[in-house]
Amino acid sequence: MRRCFHRHRCTVGSGGCGTTGACNIYNPPTRNWDYDTNFQNVANLPPITPRFVTVQQILFTENFR
């Protein structure tokens, strides 16, 4: 079997999964995801951090031509 991952790089073989059919190609590391509570205060945000503002429409007018 021929597999091409890119135009210039192809592999020839059984597909890389072995005879058991278990394709364990990538084992991601255990990551310690956490939320930094310092960012709950706006003064502690890094410079140029995007800020979102809500807009509420309180008046609607229609222009007639």
N, C-alpha and C. Protein backbone atom coordinates (compact mmCIF):
# COMPACT_ATOMS: atom_id res chain seq x y z
N MET A 1 0.85 -1.17 0.00
CA MET A 1 0.00 0.00 0.00
C MET A 1 0.89 1.23 0.00
N ARG A 2 0.53 2.25 -0.75
CA ARG A 2 1.31 3.47 -0.84
C ARG A 2 0.51 4.61 -0.23
N ARG A 3 1.14 5.32 0.71
CA ARG A 3 0.48 6.45 1.35
C ARG A 3 1.29 7.71 1.11
N CYS A 4 0.63 8.76 0.71
CA CYS A 4 1.30 10.03 0.48
C CYS A 4 0.74 11.05 1.47
N PHE A 5 1.63 11.54 2.31
CA PHE A 5 1.24 12.56 3.28
C PHE A 5 1.49 13.96 2.74
N HIS A 6 2.31 14.03 1.74
CA HIS A 6 2.64 15.28 1.09
C HIS A 6 2.97 14.93 -0.35
N ARG A 7 2.97 15.89 -1.23
CA ARG A 7 3.23 15.61 -2.63
C ARG A 7 4.57 14.92 -2.85
N HIS A 8 5.57 15.27 -2.06
CA HIS A 8 6.92 14.77 -2.31
C HIS A 8 7.34 13.65 -1.37
N ARG A 9 6.50 13.26 -0.42
CA ARG A 9 6.89 12.24 0.55
C ARG A 9 5.84 11.14 0.58
N CYS A 10 6.22 9.98 0.14
CA CYS A 10 5.31 8.84 0.14
C CYS A 10 5.98 7.67 0.85
N THR A 11 5.18 6.83 1.48
CA THR A 11 5.70 5.61 2.11
C THR A 11 5.06 4.42 1.45
N VAL A 12 5.79 3.33 1.43
CA VAL A 12 5.28 2.09 0.86
C VAL A 12 5.33 1.05 1.95
N GLY A 13 4.21 0.38 2.20
CA GLY A 13 4.18 -0.64 3.24
C GLY A 13 2.76 -1.01 3.58
N SER A 14 2.58 -1.59 4.77
CA SER A 14 1.27 -2.08 5.17
C SER A 14 0.38 -0.98 5.74
N GLY A 15 0.89 0.23 5.83
CA GLY A 15 0.07 1.33 6.34
C GLY A 15 0.51 1.80 7.70
N GLY A 16 1.47 1.15 8.31
CA GLY A 16 2.02 1.60 9.57
C GLY A 16 1.25 1.19 10.80
N CYS A 17 0.19 0.40 10.67
CA CYS A 17 -0.60 0.03 11.84
C CYS A 17 -0.21 -1.33 12.40
N GLY A 18 0.64 -2.04 11.75
CA GLY A 18 1.03 -3.36 12.24
C GLY A 18 -0.05 -4.39 11.97
N THR A 19 0.10 -5.58 12.54
CA THR A 19 -0.85 -6.67 12.30
C THR A 19 -2.01 -6.65 13.27
N THR A 20 -1.88 -5.92 14.39
CA THR A 20 -2.96 -5.92 15.39
C THR A 20 -4.07 -4.94 15.03
N GLY A 21 -3.79 -4.00 14.15
CA GLY A 21 -4.80 -3.01 13.77
C GLY A 21 -4.90 -1.86 14.74
N ALA A 22 -4.06 -1.83 15.77
CA ALA A 22 -4.08 -0.74 16.73
C ALA A 22 -3.14 0.36 16.25
N CYS A 23 -3.69 1.42 15.75
CA CYS A 23 -2.89 2.54 15.24
C CYS A 23 -2.70 3.55 16.35
N ASN A 24 -1.75 3.34 17.18
CA ASN A 24 -1.45 4.26 18.26
C ASN A 24 -0.29 5.14 17.81
N ILE A 25 -0.62 6.13 16.99
CA ILE A 25 0.41 6.95 16.38
C ILE A 25 0.83 8.09 17.31
N TYR A 26 -0.09 8.68 18.03
CA TYR A 26 0.20 9.85 18.86
C TYR A 26 -0.29 9.62 20.27
N ASN A 27 0.60 9.74 21.22
CA ASN A 27 0.24 9.66 22.64
C ASN A 27 0.48 11.03 23.25
N PRO A 28 -0.58 11.84 23.42
CA PRO A 28 -0.37 13.18 23.96
C PRO A 28 0.05 13.13 25.42
N PRO A 29 0.87 14.07 25.85
CA PRO A 29 1.28 14.11 27.25
C PRO A 29 0.12 14.57 28.13
N THR A 30 0.18 14.23 29.40
CA THR A 30 -0.82 14.69 30.35
C THR A 30 -0.57 16.16 30.62
N ARG A 31 -1.57 16.99 30.37
CA ARG A 31 -1.41 18.43 30.55
C ARG A 31 -2.16 18.89 31.80
N ASN A 32 -1.55 19.78 32.51
CA ASN A 32 -2.15 20.33 33.72
C ASN A 32 -2.79 21.67 33.36
N TRP A 33 -4.03 21.64 32.88
CA TRP A 33 -4.73 22.86 32.50
C TRP A 33 -5.30 23.51 33.75
N ASP A 34 -5.14 24.80 33.84
CA ASP A 34 -5.62 25.50 35.01
C ASP A 34 -6.01 26.93 34.60
N TYR A 35 -6.87 27.53 35.37
CA TYR A 35 -7.31 28.91 35.13
C TYR A 35 -6.62 29.81 36.13
N ASP A 36 -5.96 30.85 35.64
CA ASP A 36 -5.27 31.79 36.51
C ASP A 36 -6.29 32.81 37.03
N THR A 37 -6.56 32.76 38.30
CA THR A 37 -7.58 33.64 38.88
C THR A 37 -7.13 35.10 38.90
N ASN A 38 -5.85 35.39 38.65
CA ASN A 38 -5.40 36.79 38.56
C ASN A 38 -6.05 37.50 37.39
N PHE A 39 -6.48 36.76 36.37
CA PHE A 39 -7.09 37.37 35.19
C PHE A 39 -8.55 37.76 35.42
N GLN A 40 -9.10 37.52 36.58
CA GLN A 40 -10.45 37.96 36.87
C GLN A 40 -10.51 39.47 37.09
N ASN A 41 -9.37 40.06 37.40
CA ASN A 41 -9.28 41.50 37.56
C ASN A 41 -8.75 42.08 36.24
N VAL A 42 -9.47 43.05 35.66
CA VAL A 42 -9.10 43.62 34.37
C VAL A 42 -7.72 44.28 34.43
N ALA A 43 -7.34 44.79 35.56
CA ALA A 43 -6.04 45.47 35.68
C ALA A 43 -4.87 44.49 35.52
N ASN A 44 -5.11 43.20 35.71
CA ASN A 44 -4.04 42.21 35.62
C ASN A 44 -3.91 41.58 34.23
N LEU A 45 -4.73 42.02 33.28
CA LEU A 45 -4.66 41.44 31.93
C LEU A 45 -3.42 41.93 31.20
N PRO A 46 -2.87 41.11 30.31
CA PRO A 46 -1.71 41.55 29.53
C PRO A 46 -2.08 42.69 28.59
N PRO A 47 -1.09 43.47 28.15
CA PRO A 47 -1.38 44.57 27.23
C PRO A 47 -1.97 44.05 25.92
N ILE A 48 -2.78 44.85 25.29
CA ILE A 48 -3.42 44.57 24.00
C ILE A 48 -4.31 43.32 24.08
N THR A 49 -4.87 43.04 25.23
CA THR A 49 -5.82 41.94 25.36
C THR A 49 -7.16 42.39 24.78
N PRO A 50 -7.76 41.59 23.89
CA PRO A 50 -9.07 41.99 23.34
C PRO A 50 -10.12 42.08 24.45
N ARG A 51 -10.93 43.09 24.37
CA ARG A 51 -12.01 43.26 25.34
C ARG A 51 -13.32 43.32 24.58
N PHE A 52 -14.32 42.68 25.10
CA PHE A 52 -15.61 42.62 24.45
C PHE A 52 -16.59 43.51 25.19
N VAL A 53 -17.34 44.27 24.43
CA VAL A 53 -18.32 45.18 24.98
C VAL A 53 -19.67 44.80 24.39
N THR A 54 -20.70 44.80 25.20
CA THR A 54 -22.03 44.50 24.69
C THR A 54 -22.71 45.81 24.30
N VAL A 55 -23.50 45.74 23.25
CA VAL A 55 -24.24 46.89 22.76
C VAL A 55 -25.72 46.55 22.80
N GLN A 56 -26.49 47.44 23.38
CA GLN A 56 -27.92 47.22 23.46
C GLN A 56 -28.62 48.33 22.68
N GLN A 57 -29.47 47.94 21.74
CA GLN A 57 -30.19 48.92 20.94
C GLN A 57 -31.42 49.36 21.73
N ILE A 58 -31.50 50.68 21.97
CA ILE A 58 -32.63 51.17 22.75
C ILE A 58 -33.60 51.99 21.90
N LEU A 59 -33.22 52.33 20.65
CA LEU A 59 -34.05 53.12 19.78
C LEU A 59 -33.91 52.61 18.36
N PHE A 60 -35.04 52.50 17.67
CA PHE A 60 -35.02 52.07 16.28
C PHE A 60 -35.73 53.12 15.45
N THR A 61 -35.06 53.64 14.45
CA THR A 61 -35.70 54.58 13.53
C THR A 61 -35.54 54.08 12.11
N GLU A 62 -36.49 54.43 11.27
CA GLU A 62 -36.45 54.01 9.88
C GLU A 62 -36.39 55.24 9.00
N ASN A 63 -35.48 55.23 8.05
CA ASN A 63 -35.33 56.35 7.13
C ASN A 63 -36.10 56.03 5.85
N PHE A 64 -37.04 56.93 5.47
CA PHE A 64 -37.81 56.76 4.24
C PHE A 64 -37.19 57.65 3.18
N ARG A 65 -37.09 57.13 1.99
CA ARG A 65 -36.55 57.95 0.88
C ARG A 65 -37.65 58.33 -0.04
